[in-house]
Every structure is written in C-alpha cells, then in structure tokens.
C-alpha atoms as a PDB file:
ATOM      1  CA  MET A   1       5.358 -24.346   7.373  1.00  0.00           C
ATOM      2  CA  LYS A   2       8.716 -24.778   5.659  1.00  0.00           C
ATOM      3  CA  THR A   3       7.094 -24.052   2.291  1.00  0.00           C
ATOM      4  CA  LEU A   4       5.526 -20.865   3.641  1.00  0.00           C
ATOM      5  CA  PHE A   5       8.890 -19.523   4.808  1.00  0.00           C
ATOM      6  CA  LYS A   6      10.521 -20.463   1.504  1.00  0.00           C
ATOM      7  CA  LEU A   7       7.785 -18.557  -0.332  1.00  0.00           C
ATOM      8  CA  ILE A   8       8.209 -15.562   1.978  1.00  0.00           C
ATOM      9  CA  SER A   9      11.973 -15.565   1.396  1.00  0.00           C
ATOM     10  CA  VAL A  10      11.540 -15.592  -2.394  1.00  0.00           C
ATOM     11  CA  VAL A  11       8.999 -12.767  -2.252  1.00  0.00           C
ATOM     12  CA  PHE A  12      11.294 -10.640  -0.088  1.00  0.00           C
ATOM     13  CA  ALA A  13      14.325 -11.458  -2.245  1.00  0.00           C
ATOM     14  CA  LEU A  14      12.429 -10.095  -5.255  1.00  0.00           C
ATOM     15  CA  LEU A  15      11.212  -7.059  -3.319  1.00  0.00           C
ATOM     16  CA  PHE A  16      14.697  -6.280  -2.013  1.00  0.00           C
ATOM     17  CA  PHE A  17      16.240  -6.658  -5.480  1.00  0.00           C
ATOM     18  CA  TRP A  18      13.561  -4.302  -6.816  1.00  0.00           C
ATOM     19  CA  ALA A  19      14.221  -1.831  -3.978  1.00  0.00           C
ATOM     20  CA  ALA A  20      17.925  -1.881  -4.874  1.00  0.00           C
ATOM     21  CA  TYR A  21      17.174  -1.391  -8.570  1.00  0.00           C
ATOM     22  CA  VAL A  22      15.008   1.702  -8.060  1.00  0.00           C
ATOM     23  CA  GLN A  23      17.833   3.447  -6.191  1.00  0.00           C
ATOM     24  CA  TRP A  24      19.636   4.228  -9.472  1.00  0.00           C
ATOM     25  CA  ASN A  25      18.766   7.938  -9.318  1.00  0.00           C
ATOM     26  CA  ASP A  26      19.451   8.360  -5.577  1.00  0.00           C
ATOM     27  CA  PRO A  27      22.488  10.508  -4.671  1.00  0.00           C
ATOM     28  CA  ASP A  28      23.740   7.744  -2.345  1.00  0.00           C
ATOM     29  CA  ALA A  29      22.671   4.862  -4.582  1.00  0.00           C
ATOM     30  CA  LEU A  30      25.721   2.691  -3.820  1.00  0.00           C
ATOM     31  CA  LEU A  31      24.859   2.649  -0.120  1.00  0.00           C
ATOM     32  CA  TRP A  32      21.299   1.530  -0.841  1.00  0.00           C
ATOM     33  CA  TYR A  33      22.450  -1.026  -3.415  1.00  0.00           C
ATOM     34  CA  ALA A  34      24.534  -2.560  -0.627  1.00  0.00           C
ATOM     35  CA  ILE A  35      21.734  -2.371   1.942  1.00  0.00           C
ATOM     36  CA  TYR A  36      18.964  -3.828  -0.202  1.00  0.00           C
ATOM     37  CA  GLY A  37      21.314  -6.121  -2.114  1.00  0.00           C
ATOM     38  CA  SER A  38      22.561  -7.733   1.094  1.00  0.00           C
ATOM     39  CA  ALA A  39      18.967  -8.209   2.262  1.00  0.00           C
ATOM     40  CA  ALA A  40      18.085  -9.813  -1.079  1.00  0.00           C
ATOM     41  CA  LEU A  41      21.088 -12.136  -0.897  1.00  0.00           C
ATOM     42  CA  ALA A  42      20.282 -13.042   2.708  1.00  0.00           C
ATOM     43  CA  SER A  43      16.739 -13.888   1.599  1.00  0.00           C
ATOM     44  CA  LEU A  44      18.083 -16.154  -1.126  1.00  0.00           C
ATOM     45  CA  PHE A  45      20.498 -17.791   1.314  1.00  0.00           C
ATOM     46  CA  PHE A  46      17.560 -18.379   3.657  1.00  0.00           C
ATOM     47  CA  PHE A  47      15.633 -20.003   0.806  1.00  0.00           C
ATOM     48  CA  PHE A  48      18.530 -22.392   0.148  1.00  0.00           C
ATOM     49  CA  GLU A  49      18.968 -22.969   3.913  1.00  0.00           C
ATOM     50  CA  LYS A  50      22.480 -21.479   3.814  1.00  0.00           C
ATOM     51  CA  LEU A  51      21.823 -18.401   5.947  1.00  0.00           C
ATOM     52  CA  SER A  52      23.355 -18.725   9.397  1.00  0.00           C
ATOM     53  CA  PHE A  53      21.645 -17.528  12.527  1.00  0.00           C
ATOM     54  CA  LYS A  54      24.563 -15.208  13.336  1.00  0.00           C
ATOM     55  CA  ILE A  55      24.520 -13.504   9.931  1.00  0.00           C
ATOM     56  CA  ALA A  56      20.752 -13.001  10.083  1.00  0.00           C
ATOM     57  CA  LEU A  57      21.054 -11.596  13.592  1.00  0.00           C
ATOM     58  CA  VAL A  58      23.916  -9.246  12.658  1.00  0.00           C
ATOM     59  CA  LEU A  59      21.926  -7.964   9.673  1.00  0.00           C
ATOM     60  CA  PHE A  60      18.909  -7.443  11.928  1.00  0.00           C
ATOM     61  CA  VAL A  61      20.980  -5.384  14.379  1.00  0.00           C
ATOM     62  CA  LEU A  62      22.617  -3.316  11.616  1.00  0.00           C
ATOM     63  CA  TYR A  63      19.321  -2.574   9.905  1.00  0.00           C
ATOM     64  CA  PHE A  64      17.611  -1.790  13.203  1.00  0.00           C
ATOM     65  CA  VAL A  65      20.371   0.644  14.211  1.00  0.00           C
ATOM     66  CA  GLY A  66      20.044   2.198  10.745  1.00  0.00           C
ATOM     67  CA  VAL A  67      16.381   2.944  11.443  1.00  0.00           C
ATOM     68  CA  PHE A  68      17.460   5.352  14.189  1.00  0.00           C
ATOM     69  CA  VAL A  69      20.455   6.722  12.274  1.00  0.00           C
ATOM     70  CA  PHE A  70      18.285   7.738   9.316  1.00  0.00           C
ATOM     71  CA  TRP A  71      15.184   8.747  11.309  1.00  0.00           C
ATOM     72  CA  PRO A  72      14.241  12.344  10.374  1.00  0.00           C
ATOM     73  CA  ASP A  73      14.535  15.235  12.788  1.00  0.00           C
ATOM     74  CA  GLN A  74      10.808  15.696  12.408  1.00  0.00           C
ATOM     75  CA  PHE A  75       8.566  12.974  10.987  1.00  0.00           C
ATOM     76  CA  GLU A  76       6.365  14.537   8.296  1.00  0.00           C
ATOM     77  CA  GLY A  77       5.143  11.408   6.563  1.00  0.00           C
ATOM     78  CA  VAL A  78       6.362   9.728   3.406  1.00  0.00           C
ATOM     79  CA  ASP A  79       4.373  11.524   0.704  1.00  0.00           C
ATOM     80  CA  ILE A  80       6.128  14.115  -1.462  1.00  0.00           C
ATOM     81  CA  GLY A  81       4.631  17.560  -0.960  1.00  0.00           C
ATOM     82  CA  GLU A  82       3.575  17.059   2.660  1.00  0.00           C
ATOM     83  CA  GLY A  83       6.698  18.456   4.284  1.00  0.00           C
ATOM     84  CA  GLU A  84      10.390  19.092   3.866  1.00  0.00           C
ATOM     85  CA  ILE A  85      11.863  16.706   1.290  1.00  0.00           C
ATOM     86  CA  ASN A  86      14.828  15.710   3.500  1.00  0.00           C
ATOM     87  CA  ASN A  87      12.514  14.671   6.336  1.00  0.00           C
ATOM     88  CA  ILE A  88      10.370  12.685   3.923  1.00  0.00           C
ATOM     89  CA  GLU A  89      13.400  11.006   2.342  1.00  0.00           C
ATOM     90  CA  ASN A  90      14.832  10.095   5.750  1.00  0.00           C
ATOM     91  CA  ALA A  91      11.467   8.732   6.860  1.00  0.00           C
ATOM     92  CA  ARG A  92      11.270   6.546   3.757  1.00  0.00           C
ATOM     93  CA  GLU A  93      14.811   5.289   4.275  1.00  0.00           C
ATOM     94  CA  SER A  94      14.137   4.541   7.948  1.00  0.00           C
ATOM     95  CA  LEU A  95      10.968   2.646   7.171  1.00  0.00           C
ATOM     96  CA  GLY A  96      12.776   0.661   4.465  1.00  0.00           C
ATOM     97  CA  LEU A  97      15.446  -0.277   6.989  1.00  0.00           C
ATOM     98  CA  LEU A  98      12.737  -1.262   9.475  1.00  0.00           C
ATOM     99  CA  ILE A  99      11.268  -3.659   6.914  1.00  0.00           C
ATOM    100  CA  ASN A 100      14.751  -5.110   6.321  1.00  0.00           C
ATOM    101  CA  ALA A 101      15.280  -5.479  10.070  1.00  0.00           C
ATOM    102  CA  LEU A 102      11.952  -7.216  10.652  1.00  0.00           C
ATOM    103  CA  VAL A 103      12.564  -9.670   7.818  1.00  0.00           C
ATOM    104  CA  MET A 104      16.027 -10.506   9.169  1.00  0.00           C
ATOM    105  CA  LEU A 105      14.558 -10.933  12.658  1.00  0.00           C
ATOM    106  CA  MET A 106      11.972 -13.328  11.238  1.00  0.00           C
ATOM    107  CA  PHE A 107      14.708 -15.276   9.425  1.00  0.00           C
ATOM    108  CA  SER A 108      16.911 -15.476  12.507  1.00  0.00           C
ATOM    109  CA  LEU A 109      14.047 -16.639  14.734  1.00  0.00           C
ATOM    110  CA  ARG A 110      13.015 -19.235  12.171  1.00  0.00           C
ATOM    111  CA  ILE A 111      16.595 -20.519  11.880  1.00  0.00           C
ATOM    112  CA  ARG A 112      16.898 -20.717  15.662  1.00  0.00           C
ATOM    113  CA  TYR A 113      13.532 -22.485  15.988  1.00  0.00           C
ATOM    114  CA  THR A 114      14.289 -25.092  13.333  1.00  0.00           C
ATOM    115  CA  LYS A 115      17.717 -25.854  14.832  1.00  0.00           C
ATOM    116  CA  LYS A 116      16.172 -26.370  18.276  1.00  0.00           C
ATOM    117  CA  MET A 117      13.531 -28.678  16.818  1.00  0.00           C
ATOM    118  CA  ALA A 118      16.124 -30.793  14.979  1.00  0.00           C
END
C-alpha cells in the first residue's frame, strides 16, 4: 500500500507541476503558479514522507474554500464556446482547486492513518 501512495504522489506532483506550467498565458498566472506549485511540492514532500498532517490539512482547507470562492455565478460547463468565458474559466479554476483539495485530503488521511498504525 505504501508503494501505491508513493506512486500516486509522484503522478500528482507531475500533474500539478504541469498545471502550473500551462498557466503562463493566464492573466493571474502568479496566483496559479503558487496554487499548483504548492500542491506539487506537497506531493513531493508526501513522497519523501516529510509532509506533516497539519500542512496537508491546511492545504486541503485552503483549496476547498477556494472552490467556493472561484465558483462561477452560473455553471455553464468547462468547454469553450458553451457559455460565457468568465463562467467557464471560473468553473475550470474551481474544479482544479477541488482536485487539489481532494489530493490533500487523501494525503492528510493517509498520514493520520499511518501515524496511528505506528
């Protein structure tokens, strides 16, 4: 099971680094570099067993709150051309933050579980 979680953390670290990289043309790219970059670093820390439960939990809460902060006024999907571009962009950002939040929740629960078992 430990190997599975290490593999998951590496996969998400790569995905989060890629998500940060593709923000280069976004008007608020620095914000998203920080958001996805911190998730990528947390994933690497988890891989090396250096991520604390508290940090993972704080990141989960921040990302989860961000889901609601960025949620569009009206959800119109995530495909360009199917609605107002701002609603689509906000929906994409919210869903990205939801993925970040769920990964951090998984990390925090795994850290808590392994510490209780030790």
